[in-house]
N, C-alpha and C. Protein backbone atom coordinates (compact mmCIF):
# COMPACT_ATOMS: atom_id res chain seq x y z
N MET A 1 194.26 23.95 -0.91
CA MET A 1 194.51 25.06 0.16
C MET A 1 194.53 26.91 -0.85
N LYS A 2 193.46 27.61 -0.06
CA LYS A 2 193.62 28.77 -0.99
C LYS A 2 194.25 30.16 -0.54
N THR A 3 194.86 30.60 -1.88
CA THR A 3 195.98 31.65 -0.95
C THR A 3 195.19 32.96 -0.50
N PHE A 4 195.92 33.84 -0.16
CA PHE A 4 195.35 34.94 0.55
C PHE A 4 194.72 35.86 -0.54
N LYS A 5 195.02 35.67 -1.60
CA LYS A 5 194.62 36.65 -2.89
C LYS A 5 192.92 35.73 -3.18
N GLN A 6 193.16 34.48 -3.47
CA GLN A 6 191.74 33.73 -3.36
C GLN A 6 190.97 34.18 -2.38
N HIS A 7 191.14 33.88 -1.34
CA HIS A 7 190.74 34.26 0.07
C HIS A 7 189.55 35.78 -0.03
N ILE A 8 190.35 36.73 -0.32
CA ILE A 8 190.07 38.44 -0.60
C ILE A 8 189.00 38.50 -1.28
N ASN A 9 189.28 37.52 -2.52
CA ASN A 9 188.45 37.74 -4.00
C ASN A 9 187.03 36.91 -3.90
N GLU A 10 186.81 36.49 -2.43
CA GLU A 10 185.48 35.43 -2.46
C GLU A 10 184.34 36.50 -2.16
N VAL A 11 183.34 35.74 -2.89
CA VAL A 11 182.05 36.87 -3.16
C VAL A 11 181.61 36.44 -1.16
N LYS A 12 181.32 37.78 -0.70
CA LYS A 12 180.67 37.61 0.72
C LYS A 12 179.10 38.66 0.74
N PHE A 13 178.11 37.97 1.21
CA PHE A 13 176.90 38.69 1.07
C PHE A 13 176.48 39.28 2.31
N SER A 14 177.05 40.37 2.51
CA SER A 14 176.94 41.37 3.22
C SER A 14 175.56 42.30 3.40
N THR A 15 175.27 42.38 2.09
CA THR A 15 173.98 42.94 2.33
C THR A 15 173.19 42.69 0.98
N ALA A 16 172.04 43.09 0.85
CA ALA A 16 171.20 42.72 -0.30
C ALA A 16 171.44 43.23 -1.72
N ASP A 17 172.00 44.47 -1.49
CA ASP A 17 172.78 44.85 -2.91
C ASP A 17 174.04 44.10 -3.89
N ASP A 18 174.79 43.68 -2.76
CA ASP A 18 175.81 42.21 -2.81
C ASP A 18 174.81 40.98 -3.66
N ARG A 19 174.00 40.76 -2.96
CA ARG A 19 173.07 39.55 -3.30
C ARG A 19 172.70 39.93 -4.93
N ASP A 20 172.03 40.81 -4.59
CA ASP A 20 171.58 41.27 -6.36
C ASP A 20 172.54 41.52 -7.64
N LYS A 21 173.67 41.91 -7.00
CA LYS A 21 174.75 41.91 -8.09
C LYS A 21 175.47 40.74 -8.42
N TYR A 22 175.35 39.97 -7.52
CA TYR A 22 176.10 38.35 -7.48
C TYR A 22 174.91 37.49 -8.94
N VAL A 23 173.65 37.89 -8.24
CA VAL A 23 172.78 36.75 -9.28
C VAL A 23 172.74 37.77 -10.73
N SER A 24 172.80 39.38 -10.80
CA SER A 24 172.64 39.79 -12.01
C SER A 24 174.27 39.66 -12.68
N ASP A 25 175.16 39.28 -12.12
CA ASP A 25 176.73 39.21 -12.87
C ASP A 25 176.23 37.68 -13.21
N GLU A 26 175.27 36.68 -12.91
CA GLU A 26 175.72 35.11 -13.36
C GLU A 26 174.52 35.59 -14.65
N ILE A 27 173.40 36.10 -14.31
CA ILE A 27 172.49 36.43 -15.62
C ILE A 27 173.36 36.79 -16.79
N LYS A 28 173.88 37.89 -16.63
CA LYS A 28 174.97 38.21 -17.59
C LYS A 28 175.88 37.53 -18.35
N LYS A 29 176.18 36.44 -17.25
CA LYS A 29 177.55 35.55 -17.48
C LYS A 29 176.80 34.00 -18.10
N ARG A 30 175.65 33.96 -18.14
CA ARG A 30 175.15 33.23 -18.81
C ARG A 30 174.32 33.58 -20.23
N LYS A 31 174.26 34.72 -20.25
CA LYS A 31 173.78 35.29 -21.61
C LYS A 31 172.38 35.28 -21.80
N LEU A 32 171.78 35.08 -20.64
CA LEU A 32 170.40 35.21 -20.67
C LEU A 32 169.99 36.59 -20.95
N ALA A 33 170.20 37.67 -20.26
CA ALA A 33 169.77 39.17 -20.49
C ALA A 33 170.96 39.75 -20.31
N LYS A 34 170.94 41.30 -21.70
CA LYS A 34 172.22 42.03 -21.46
C LYS A 34 171.66 43.03 -20.28
N PHE A 35 170.60 43.37 -19.94
CA PHE A 35 170.22 44.29 -18.62
C PHE A 35 169.51 43.48 -18.15
N PRO A 36 169.65 43.06 -16.87
CA PRO A 36 168.86 42.56 -15.99
C PRO A 36 168.06 43.41 -14.94
N VAL A 37 166.86 43.18 -14.55
CA VAL A 37 166.73 44.32 -13.35
C VAL A 37 166.34 43.81 -12.68
N ASN A 38 166.33 44.01 -11.10
CA ASN A 38 165.74 43.48 -9.96
C ASN A 38 164.09 43.58 -9.82
N ALA A 39 163.57 42.63 -9.50
CA ALA A 39 162.54 42.74 -9.61
C ALA A 39 161.80 41.71 -8.56
N THR A 40 162.72 42.15 -6.93
CA THR A 40 162.59 41.09 -5.86
C THR A 40 161.05 41.34 -5.01
N ASP A 41 160.23 42.23 -5.59
CA ASP A 41 159.24 42.68 -5.06
C ASP A 41 157.90 41.59 -5.60
N ASP A 42 158.20 41.38 -7.09
CA ASP A 42 157.45 40.91 -7.74
C ASP A 42 156.83 39.20 -7.49
N TYR A 43 156.45 38.79 -6.24
CA TYR A 43 156.21 37.74 -6.04
C TYR A 43 155.32 36.84 -6.84
N LYS A 44 154.80 37.04 -8.00
CA LYS A 44 154.01 36.43 -8.96
C LYS A 44 154.70 35.67 -9.80
N MET A 45 156.05 35.96 -10.00
CA MET A 45 156.97 35.50 -10.55
C MET A 45 157.58 34.32 -10.40
N LYS A 46 157.36 34.03 -9.05
CA LYS A 46 157.87 32.81 -8.42
C LYS A 46 156.98 31.43 -8.68
N LYS A 47 156.19 31.51 -9.51
CA LYS A 47 155.42 30.31 -10.02
C LYS A 47 156.17 29.44 -10.57
N GLY A 48 156.28 28.12 -10.37
CA GLY A 48 156.58 27.36 -11.24
C GLY A 48 158.15 26.92 -10.92
N LYS A 49 158.80 26.24 -12.22
CA LYS A 49 160.58 25.90 -11.75
C LYS A 49 161.01 26.92 -11.93
N PRO A 50 161.95 27.34 -11.45
CA PRO A 50 162.98 28.08 -11.40
C PRO A 50 163.77 28.32 -12.86
N THR A 51 164.25 29.79 -13.47
CA THR A 51 164.78 29.50 -15.07
C THR A 51 166.02 28.97 -14.92
N PHE A 52 166.90 29.08 -13.38
CA PHE A 52 167.99 28.21 -13.52
C PHE A 52 168.33 28.10 -11.89
N THR A 53 169.00 27.77 -11.67
CA THR A 53 169.73 27.69 -10.09
C THR A 53 171.36 27.71 -9.98
N PHE A 54 171.63 28.03 -9.01
CA PHE A 54 172.95 27.89 -9.16
C PHE A 54 173.68 27.99 -7.35
N PRO A 55 174.92 27.71 -7.58
CA PRO A 55 175.19 27.77 -5.72
C PRO A 55 176.18 28.78 -5.78
N THR A 56 175.89 28.92 -4.15
CA THR A 56 176.51 30.14 -3.46
C THR A 56 178.00 30.04 -3.53
N PRO A 57 178.76 31.28 -3.13
CA PRO A 57 180.04 30.98 -3.21
C PRO A 57 180.43 29.71 -2.36
N THR A 58 180.01 29.74 -1.37
CA THR A 58 180.60 28.50 -0.03
C THR A 58 180.23 27.47 -0.64
N GLY A 59 179.22 27.41 -1.37
CA GLY A 59 178.54 26.06 -2.01
C GLY A 59 177.32 25.14 -0.96
N SER A 60 177.15 26.15 0.16
CA SER A 60 176.16 25.42 1.16
C SER A 60 174.98 25.84 0.60
N MET A 61 174.38 26.76 -0.12
CA MET A 61 173.17 27.25 -0.34
C MET A 61 173.01 27.47 -1.87
N VAL A 62 171.44 27.13 -2.18
CA VAL A 62 171.55 27.56 -3.59
C VAL A 62 170.77 28.42 -3.98
N ILE A 63 170.98 29.27 -5.32
CA ILE A 63 170.10 30.47 -5.66
C ILE A 63 169.34 30.31 -6.26
N LYS A 64 167.91 29.87 -6.66
CA LYS A 64 166.78 29.98 -7.76
C LYS A 64 166.72 31.21 -8.20
N VAL A 65 166.71 31.25 -9.48
CA VAL A 65 166.43 32.37 -10.46
C VAL A 65 165.46 32.18 -11.34
N TRP A 66 164.43 32.89 -11.23
CA TRP A 66 162.94 33.27 -11.99
C TRP A 66 163.50 34.28 -13.07
N LEU A 67 163.25 34.38 -14.49
CA LEU A 67 163.20 35.50 -15.16
C LEU A 67 161.62 35.60 -16.02
N ARG A 68 161.97 36.96 -16.14
CA ARG A 68 160.50 37.47 -17.20
C ARG A 68 160.85 38.64 -18.20
N PRO A 69 160.29 38.52 -18.88
CA PRO A 69 160.43 39.60 -19.93
C PRO A 69 159.95 40.46 -19.57
N MET A 70 160.72 42.08 -19.89
CA MET A 70 160.21 43.52 -19.38
C MET A 70 158.59 43.83 -20.60
N ALA A 71 157.89 44.57 -19.77
CA ALA A 71 156.74 45.15 -20.27
C ALA A 71 157.63 46.02 -21.75
N LYS A 72 156.81 46.36 -22.80
CA LYS A 72 157.27 46.65 -24.63
C LYS A 72 157.92 47.81 -24.43
N PRO A 73 157.89 48.76 -23.61
CA PRO A 73 158.71 49.80 -23.76
C PRO A 73 160.22 49.27 -23.95
N ALA A 74 160.38 48.45 -22.97
CA ALA A 74 161.67 48.14 -22.95
C ALA A 74 162.03 47.18 -24.16
N LYS A 75 163.39 46.90 -23.96
CA LYS A 75 164.09 46.20 -25.31
C LYS A 75 163.85 44.93 -25.04
N SER A 76 164.20 43.82 -26.10
CA SER A 76 163.93 42.39 -26.07
C SER A 76 165.18 41.71 -25.04
N HIS A 77 166.06 42.48 -24.82
CA HIS A 77 167.05 41.43 -23.97
C HIS A 77 167.69 42.32 -22.34
N THR A 78 166.18 43.10 -22.30
CA THR A 78 166.06 43.45 -20.75
C THR A 78 164.79 42.62 -20.11
N LYS A 79 165.40 42.23 -19.03
CA LYS A 79 164.81 40.94 -18.44
C LYS A 79 164.75 41.29 -16.62
N ALA A 80 163.35 41.10 -16.08
CA ALA A 80 163.02 41.30 -14.84
C ALA A 80 163.50 39.82 -14.06
N PHE A 81 164.39 40.17 -13.03
CA PHE A 81 164.40 38.68 -12.24
C PHE A 81 164.30 39.01 -11.00
N ASN A 82 163.80 37.49 -10.34
CA ASN A 82 163.58 37.38 -8.81
C ASN A 82 164.38 36.29 -8.45
N TYR A 83 164.90 36.31 -7.15
CA TYR A 83 165.71 35.13 -6.78
C TYR A 83 165.28 34.75 -5.14
N GLU A 84 165.59 33.40 -5.07
CA GLU A 84 165.97 32.88 -3.51
C GLU A 84 166.46 32.21 -3.20
N ILE A 85 167.25 32.17 -2.25
CA ILE A 85 168.15 31.51 -1.64
C ILE A 85 167.53 30.45 -0.54
N ASP A 86 167.88 28.92 -1.19
CA ASP A 86 167.56 28.17 -0.31
C ASP A 86 168.17 27.20 0.16
N ASP A 87 168.22 26.80 1.57
CA ASP A 87 169.41 25.76 2.01
C ASP A 87 169.27 24.38 0.96
N LYS A 88 170.20 23.78 0.62
CA LYS A 88 170.00 22.87 -0.62
C LYS A 88 170.44 21.61 0.32
N TRP A 89 170.70 21.60 1.85
CA TRP A 89 170.90 20.58 2.79
C TRP A 89 169.42 20.24 3.30
N LYS A 90 168.55 21.34 3.68
CA LYS A 90 167.17 21.26 4.16
C LYS A 90 166.37 20.29 3.77
N ASN A 91 165.78 20.36 2.26
CA ASN A 91 165.24 19.38 1.76
C ASN A 91 165.70 18.34 2.11
N LEU A 92 166.88 17.67 1.87
CA LEU A 92 167.39 16.68 1.89
C LEU A 92 167.08 15.71 3.51
N THR A 93 167.44 16.66 4.45
CA THR A 93 167.72 16.21 5.34
C THR A 93 166.06 15.97 5.96
N ASN A 94 165.10 16.49 5.58
CA ASN A 94 163.55 16.74 5.59
C ASN A 94 163.18 15.30 5.03
N THR A 95 163.59 14.86 4.20
CA THR A 95 163.80 13.53 3.16
C THR A 95 164.08 12.38 3.81
N LEU A 96 165.30 12.34 4.10
CA LEU A 96 166.13 11.21 4.91
C LEU A 96 165.42 10.72 6.44
N HIS A 97 165.00 12.23 6.98
CA HIS A 97 164.23 11.98 8.51
C HIS A 97 162.79 11.12 8.02
N LEU A 98 162.32 11.41 7.09
CA LEU A 98 160.71 11.03 7.20
C LEU A 98 160.76 9.30 6.58
N ARG A 99 162.26 9.08 5.47
CA ARG A 99 162.18 7.53 5.21
C ARG A 99 162.48 6.98 6.43
N ILE A 100 163.69 7.63 7.18
CA ILE A 100 164.33 6.79 8.71
C ILE A 100 162.82 6.39 9.35
N LYS A 101 161.85 7.05 9.55
CA LYS A 101 160.88 6.99 10.45
C LYS A 101 159.94 5.95 9.95
N TYR A 102 159.61 6.08 8.34
CA TYR A 102 159.10 5.13 8.19
C TYR A 102 159.65 3.92 7.97
N LEU A 103 160.80 3.35 8.08
CA LEU A 103 161.62 1.93 8.26
C LEU A 103 161.24 1.60 9.58
N LEU A 104 161.64 2.41 10.71
CA LEU A 104 161.42 2.43 12.06
C LEU A 104 159.81 1.71 11.88
N ARG A 105 159.16 2.49 11.95
CA ARG A 105 157.56 2.17 12.09
C ARG A 105 157.42 0.64 11.23
N TRP A 106 158.16 0.41 9.96
CA TRP A 106 157.68 -0.51 9.45
C TRP A 106 158.21 -2.13 10.28
N LYS A 107 159.52 -1.86 10.83
CA LYS A 107 160.24 -2.76 11.62
C LYS A 107 159.55 -2.73 13.03
N GLY A 108 158.84 -2.14 13.11
CA GLY A 108 158.16 -1.99 14.69
C GLY A 108 158.31 -1.38 15.70
N VAL A 109 159.29 -0.38 15.21
CA VAL A 109 159.80 0.44 16.51
C VAL A 109 158.76 1.71 16.63
N ARG A 110 158.44 2.20 18.06
CA ARG A 110 157.80 3.21 18.07
C ARG A 110 158.67 4.60 18.54
N LEU A 111 158.14 5.80 17.61
CA LEU A 111 159.00 6.88 18.23
C LEU A 111 158.36 7.73 18.97
N THR A 112 158.47 8.41 19.77
CA THR A 112 158.07 9.39 20.54
C THR A 112 157.78 10.74 20.34
């Protein structure tokens, strides 16, 4: 059971700035960049696998983070980041639904 103090200290994503700060703090905590710079408008970064993923404070979703080095005038420890919040159960439920549908067809049960 959580105490009142722990409940107050939970991270809540009321604005986009709160989400950006939460992701930036996680990058700093993992020591991947000293100065992370938000680049959410750069959608080309989202190609391929994310650099890392971590759960949201509630644990119901996953935040996927992509990192890239900044252009040359910036120092090597400055990185641009982009992220997306993904429902971790959505993909699992879609996969399970398709498997159940396949098994029912295999057994001869017709779905409408």
